[in-house]
Amino acid sequence: MPDQRMNRPHAIIVMGVSGCGKSSVGEKIAEALRLDFVEGDALHPASNVEKMSKGIPLTDEDRMPWLDLIGKRMQASLDKCEGIIVSCSALKRIYRDRLRAAAGNLFFVYLEGSKALLAKRMGERKGHFMPVSLLESQLATLEVPTGEPGVVTVDIDDTVEGITVTALRGLSTLGVTA
């Protein structure tokens, strides 16, 4: 029996710790699937951005209103019968479950990589508020989504184009196609 979720628009969250390429890969997936892309970091309250800029890790209490904004944004698109791609760290299972509750037809692309590669990429970024010093905190917070429904895991040791192709191939096995 075909999955009924495929007959409706879907939301996709490109997730992982800082430096994994959520924004770059999310934009490419959105382009390939002809869907809107939302930069999840742009939805952070100013207080969250200020904390992270100072090297202070966010707490669950800091993240919940941000996750709720992302959930509302996704559901608004789905309500209009439009799919959407969003970048969001979604580090913990409780965060992903909160997002699933907000937008039921939801898939995740988890971008994983070594600590060394992530730190290198973060160090090469220009003008981003997230300092490399917070990588350790993010890795400690991360609950890898192995075994969760609707999740595709992609290794980031590749070009953005290669990562995107692998992500799209994984999504297609879940029935997500352009």
C-alpha atoms as a PDB file:
ATOM      1  CA  MET A   1       0.000   0.000   0.000  1.00  0.00           C
ATOM      2  CA  PRO A   2       1.522   3.376  -0.967  1.00  0.00           C
ATOM      3  CA  ASP A   3       2.423   5.843   1.751  1.00  0.00           C
ATOM      4  CA  GLN A   4      -0.388   8.433   1.876  1.00  0.00           C
ATOM      5  CA  ARG A   5       2.136  11.112   2.908  1.00  0.00           C
ATOM      6  CA  MET A   6       3.460  11.123  -0.656  1.00  0.00           C
ATOM      7  CA  ASN A   7       0.146  12.344  -2.050  1.00  0.00           C
ATOM      8  CA  ARG A   8       0.479  15.574  -0.063  1.00  0.00           C
ATOM      9  CA  PRO A   9       3.075  18.356   0.011  1.00  0.00           C
ATOM     10  CA  HIS A  10       5.912  17.664   2.378  1.00  0.00           C
ATOM     11  CA  ALA A  11       8.308  19.583   4.573  1.00  0.00           C
ATOM     12  CA  ILE A  12      11.978  18.662   4.754  1.00  0.00           C
ATOM     13  CA  ILE A  13      14.359  19.785   7.466  1.00  0.00           C
ATOM     14  CA  VAL A  14      18.052  19.709   6.655  1.00  0.00           C
ATOM     15  CA  MET A  15      19.598  19.151  10.070  1.00  0.00           C
ATOM     16  CA  GLY A  16      22.880  18.744  11.897  1.00  0.00           C
ATOM     17  CA  VAL A  17      25.386  20.682  13.944  1.00  0.00           C
ATOM     18  CA  SER A  18      26.816  24.014  12.904  1.00  0.00           C
ATOM     19  CA  GLY A  19      29.197  23.792   9.955  1.00  0.00           C
ATOM     20  CA  CYS A  20      27.648  20.697   8.372  1.00  0.00           C
ATOM     21  CA  GLY A  21      26.236  22.623   5.394  1.00  0.00           C
ATOM     22  CA  LYS A  22      22.537  22.820   6.260  1.00  0.00           C
ATOM     23  CA  SER A  23      21.986  26.083   4.403  1.00  0.00           C
ATOM     24  CA  SER A  24      23.997  25.252   1.284  1.00  0.00           C
ATOM     25  CA  VAL A  25      22.553  21.759   0.940  1.00  0.00           C
ATOM     26  CA  GLY A  26      19.049  22.938   1.861  1.00  0.00           C
ATOM     27  CA  GLU A  27      19.137  25.549  -0.902  1.00  0.00           C
ATOM     28  CA  LYS A  28      20.275  22.948  -3.441  1.00  0.00           C
ATOM     29  CA  ILE A  29      17.596  20.448  -2.400  1.00  0.00           C
ATOM     30  CA  ALA A  30      14.967  23.198  -2.606  1.00  0.00           C
ATOM     31  CA  GLU A  31      16.194  24.099  -6.078  1.00  0.00           C
ATOM     32  CA  ALA A  32      16.092  20.450  -7.220  1.00  0.00           C
ATOM     33  CA  LEU A  33      12.609  19.862  -5.794  1.00  0.00           C
ATOM     34  CA  ARG A  34      11.358  23.319  -6.849  1.00  0.00           C
ATOM     35  CA  LEU A  35      10.365  24.224  -3.293  1.00  0.00           C
ATOM     36  CA  ASP A  36      10.873  27.300  -1.124  1.00  0.00           C
ATOM     37  CA  PHE A  37      13.865  27.310   1.213  1.00  0.00           C
ATOM     38  CA  VAL A  38      13.789  28.917   4.663  1.00  0.00           C
ATOM     39  CA  GLU A  39      16.987  29.617   6.570  1.00  0.00           C
ATOM     40  CA  GLY A  40      16.093  28.459  10.073  1.00  0.00           C
ATOM     41  CA  ASP A  41      18.759  30.660  11.662  1.00  0.00           C
ATOM     42  CA  ALA A  42      16.872  33.714  10.353  1.00  0.00           C
ATOM     43  CA  LEU A  43      13.958  32.730  12.614  1.00  0.00           C
ATOM     44  CA  HIS A  44      16.031  32.776  15.817  1.00  0.00           C
ATOM     45  CA  PRO A  45      15.028  35.523  18.253  1.00  0.00           C
ATOM     46  CA  ALA A  46      17.682  38.222  18.639  1.00  0.00           C
ATOM     47  CA  SER A  47      18.364  36.981  22.182  1.00  0.00           C
ATOM     48  CA  ASN A  48      19.401  33.556  20.837  1.00  0.00           C
ATOM     49  CA  VAL A  49      21.706  35.062  18.229  1.00  0.00           C
ATOM     50  CA  GLU A  50      23.260  37.299  20.894  1.00  0.00           C
ATOM     51  CA  LYS A  51      23.911  34.329  23.202  1.00  0.00           C
ATOM     52  CA  MET A  52      25.473  32.246  20.450  1.00  0.00           C
ATOM     53  CA  SER A  53      27.572  35.192  19.236  1.00  0.00           C
ATOM     54  CA  LYS A  54      29.022  35.400  22.749  1.00  0.00           C
ATOM     55  CA  GLY A  55      29.815  31.662  22.721  1.00  0.00           C
ATOM     56  CA  ILE A  56      26.984  30.785  25.119  1.00  0.00           C
ATOM     57  CA  PRO A  57      25.184  27.532  24.221  1.00  0.00           C
ATOM     58  CA  LEU A  58      21.404  27.685  23.887  1.00  0.00           C
ATOM     59  CA  THR A  59      19.226  25.823  26.373  1.00  0.00           C
ATOM     60  CA  ASP A  60      16.076  23.848  25.620  1.00  0.00           C
ATOM     61  CA  GLU A  61      14.113  26.853  26.882  1.00  0.00           C
ATOM     62  CA  ASP A  62      15.915  29.098  24.370  1.00  0.00           C
ATOM     63  CA  ARG A  63      15.241  26.719  21.491  1.00  0.00           C
ATOM     64  CA  MET A  64      11.557  25.892  22.019  1.00  0.00           C
ATOM     65  CA  PRO A  65      10.090  29.231  20.812  1.00  0.00           C
ATOM     66  CA  TRP A  66      12.423  29.054  17.782  1.00  0.00           C
ATOM     67  CA  LEU A  67      11.312  25.501  16.998  1.00  0.00           C
ATOM     68  CA  ASP A  68       7.691  26.616  17.315  1.00  0.00           C
ATOM     69  CA  LEU A  69       8.301  29.378  14.741  1.00  0.00           C
ATOM     70  CA  ILE A  70       9.833  26.849  12.363  1.00  0.00           C
ATOM     71  CA  GLY A  71       6.892  24.503  12.916  1.00  0.00           C
ATOM     72  CA  LYS A  72       4.390  27.284  12.193  1.00  0.00           C
ATOM     73  CA  ARG A  73       6.278  28.276   9.050  1.00  0.00           C
ATOM     74  CA  MET A  74       6.263  24.692   7.777  1.00  0.00           C
ATOM     75  CA  GLN A  75       2.601  24.131   8.595  1.00  0.00           C
ATOM     76  CA  ALA A  76       1.633  27.398   6.879  1.00  0.00           C
ATOM     77  CA  SER A  77       3.260  26.126   3.676  1.00  0.00           C
ATOM     78  CA  LEU A  78       1.634  22.714   3.977  1.00  0.00           C
ATOM     79  CA  ASP A  79      -1.754  24.368   4.621  1.00  0.00           C
ATOM     80  CA  LYS A  80      -1.345  26.145   1.267  1.00  0.00           C
ATOM     81  CA  CYS A  81      -0.509  22.764  -0.354  1.00  0.00           C
ATOM     82  CA  GLU A  82       3.083  23.865  -0.835  1.00  0.00           C
ATOM     83  CA  GLY A  83       6.173  21.947   0.174  1.00  0.00           C
ATOM     84  CA  ILE A  84       9.071  23.598   1.990  1.00  0.00           C
ATOM     85  CA  ILE A  85      12.718  22.999   2.891  1.00  0.00           C
ATOM     86  CA  VAL A  86      14.053  24.421   6.180  1.00  0.00           C
ATOM     87  CA  SER A  87      17.522  24.399   7.704  1.00  0.00           C
ATOM     88  CA  CYS A  88      17.409  23.660  11.436  1.00  0.00           C
ATOM     89  CA  SER A  89      19.925  22.008  13.737  1.00  0.00           C
ATOM     90  CA  ALA A  90      17.177  19.837  15.335  1.00  0.00           C
ATOM     91  CA  LEU A  91      19.826  18.382  17.623  1.00  0.00           C
ATOM     92  CA  LYS A  92      17.610  16.438  20.047  1.00  0.00           C
ATOM     93  CA  ARG A  93      14.873  13.906  19.505  1.00  0.00           C
ATOM     94  CA  ILE A  94      12.475  16.071  21.541  1.00  0.00           C
ATOM     95  CA  TYR A  95      13.116  18.932  19.104  1.00  0.00           C
ATOM     96  CA  ARG A  96      12.452  16.717  16.084  1.00  0.00           C
ATOM     97  CA  ASP A  97       9.317  15.310  17.709  1.00  0.00           C
ATOM     98  CA  ARG A  98       8.114  18.859  18.417  1.00  0.00           C
ATOM     99  CA  LEU A  99       8.657  19.711  14.738  1.00  0.00           C
ATOM    100  CA  ARG A 100       6.900  16.498  13.651  1.00  0.00           C
ATOM    101  CA  ALA A 101       3.908  17.455  15.796  1.00  0.00           C
ATOM    102  CA  ALA A 102       3.817  20.918  14.196  1.00  0.00           C
ATOM    103  CA  ALA A 103       4.056  19.706  10.601  1.00  0.00           C
ATOM    104  CA  GLY A 104       2.975  16.111  10.218  1.00  0.00           C
ATOM    105  CA  ASN A 105       4.279  15.404   6.723  1.00  0.00           C
ATOM    106  CA  LEU A 106       7.906  15.953   7.660  1.00  0.00           C
ATOM    107  CA  PHE A 107      11.193  14.392   6.585  1.00  0.00           C
ATOM    108  CA  PHE A 108      14.729  15.034   7.813  1.00  0.00           C
ATOM    109  CA  VAL A 109      18.073  15.049   6.015  1.00  0.00           C
ATOM    110  CA  TYR A 110      20.728  14.583   8.693  1.00  0.00           C
ATOM    111  CA  LEU A 111      24.162  15.850   7.627  1.00  0.00           C
ATOM    112  CA  GLU A 112      26.886  14.095   9.594  1.00  0.00           C
ATOM    113  CA  GLY A 113      30.630  14.570   9.600  1.00  0.00           C
ATOM    114  CA  SER A 114      33.737  14.274  11.702  1.00  0.00           C
ATOM    115  CA  LYS A 115      34.508  16.839  14.377  1.00  0.00           C
ATOM    116  CA  ALA A 116      37.677  17.816  12.489  1.00  0.00           C
ATOM    117  CA  LEU A 117      35.822  18.447   9.227  1.00  0.00           C
ATOM    118  CA  LEU A 118      33.062  20.401  10.991  1.00  0.00           C
ATOM    119  CA  ALA A 119      35.582  22.584  12.841  1.00  0.00           C
ATOM    120  CA  LYS A 120      37.483  23.223   9.604  1.00  0.00           C
ATOM    121  CA  ARG A 121      34.317  24.299   7.804  1.00  0.00           C
ATOM    122  CA  MET A 122      33.188  26.517  10.677  1.00  0.00           C
ATOM    123  CA  GLY A 123      36.610  28.160  10.752  1.00  0.00           C
ATOM    124  CA  GLU A 124      36.382  28.952   7.030  1.00  0.00           C
ATOM    125  CA  ARG A 125      32.989  30.693   7.275  1.00  0.00           C
ATOM    126  CA  LYS A 126      32.846  34.451   7.103  1.00  0.00           C
ATOM    127  CA  GLY A 127      30.290  36.598   8.907  1.00  0.00           C
ATOM    128  CA  HIS A 128      28.413  33.815  10.728  1.00  0.00           C
ATOM    129  CA  PHE A 129      27.367  34.430  14.341  1.00  0.00           C
ATOM    130  CA  MET A 130      28.169  30.888  15.520  1.00  0.00           C
ATOM    131  CA  PRO A 131      31.765  30.612  16.819  1.00  0.00           C
ATOM    132  CA  VAL A 132      33.787  27.403  16.435  1.00  0.00           C
ATOM    133  CA  SER A 133      33.907  27.258  20.242  1.00  0.00           C
ATOM    134  CA  LEU A 134      30.250  26.133  20.308  1.00  0.00           C
ATOM    135  CA  LEU A 135      30.865  23.057  18.139  1.00  0.00           C
ATOM    136  CA  GLU A 136      31.752  20.930  21.174  1.00  0.00           C
ATOM    137  CA  SER A 137      28.489  21.939  22.883  1.00  0.00           C
ATOM    138  CA  GLN A 138      26.467  21.113  19.777  1.00  0.00           C
ATOM    139  CA  LEU A 139      28.124  17.716  19.393  1.00  0.00           C
ATOM    140  CA  ALA A 140      27.446  16.974  23.076  1.00  0.00           C
ATOM    141  CA  THR A 141      23.777  17.947  22.625  1.00  0.00           C
ATOM    142  CA  LEU A 142      23.292  16.022  19.374  1.00  0.00           C
ATOM    143  CA  GLU A 143      21.120  12.915  19.555  1.00  0.00           C
ATOM    144  CA  VAL A 144      21.780  11.184  16.249  1.00  0.00           C
ATOM    145  CA  PRO A 145      18.442  10.370  14.556  1.00  0.00           C
ATOM    146  CA  THR A 146      19.376   6.797  13.648  1.00  0.00           C
ATOM    147  CA  GLY A 147      16.264   4.641  13.452  1.00  0.00           C
ATOM    148  CA  GLU A 148      13.797   7.536  13.502  1.00  0.00           C
ATOM    149  CA  PRO A 149      11.136   7.541  10.783  1.00  0.00           C
ATOM    150  CA  GLY A 150      11.561   9.698   7.689  1.00  0.00           C
ATOM    151  CA  VAL A 151      15.272  10.388   8.185  1.00  0.00           C
ATOM    152  CA  VAL A 152      17.998  10.256   5.540  1.00  0.00           C
ATOM    153  CA  THR A 153      21.596  10.379   6.805  1.00  0.00           C
ATOM    154  CA  VAL A 154      24.261  11.833   4.524  1.00  0.00           C
ATOM    155  CA  ASP A 155      28.015  12.051   5.131  1.00  0.00           C
ATOM    156  CA  ILE A 156      29.315  15.575   4.463  1.00  0.00           C
ATOM    157  CA  ASP A 157      32.787  14.544   3.271  1.00  0.00           C
ATOM    158  CA  ASP A 158      31.909  15.538  -0.302  1.00  0.00           C
ATOM    159  CA  THR A 159      31.076  18.612  -2.353  1.00  0.00           C
ATOM    160  CA  VAL A 160      27.770  20.417  -1.795  1.00  0.00           C
ATOM    161  CA  GLU A 161      26.601  18.983  -5.115  1.00  0.00           C
ATOM    162  CA  GLY A 162      27.606  15.439  -4.124  1.00  0.00           C
ATOM    163  CA  ILE A 163      25.951  15.743  -0.720  1.00  0.00           C
ATOM    164  CA  THR A 164      22.794  17.053  -2.409  1.00  0.00           C
ATOM    165  CA  VAL A 165      22.678  14.168  -4.903  1.00  0.00           C
ATOM    166  CA  THR A 166      23.077  11.659  -2.066  1.00  0.00           C
ATOM    167  CA  ALA A 167      20.365  13.412  -0.026  1.00  0.00           C
ATOM    168  CA  LEU A 168      17.957  13.464  -2.981  1.00  0.00           C
ATOM    169  CA  ARG A 169      18.628   9.784  -3.652  1.00  0.00           C
ATOM    170  CA  GLY A 170      17.861   8.996   0.004  1.00  0.00           C
ATOM    171  CA  LEU A 171      14.721  11.105  -0.022  1.00  0.00           C
ATOM    172  CA  SER A 172      13.526   9.326  -3.161  1.00  0.00           C
ATOM    173  CA  THR A 173      13.729   5.996  -1.287  1.00  0.00           C
ATOM    174  CA  LEU A 174      11.238   7.552   1.143  1.00  0.00           C
ATOM    175  CA  GLY A 175       8.997   8.563  -1.771  1.00  0.00           C
ATOM    176  CA  VAL A 176      10.008  12.244  -1.877  1.00  0.00           C
ATOM    177  CA  THR A 177      10.512  13.325  -5.474  1.00  0.00           C
ATOM    178  CA  ALA A 178      10.261  16.477  -7.540  1.00  0.00           C
END
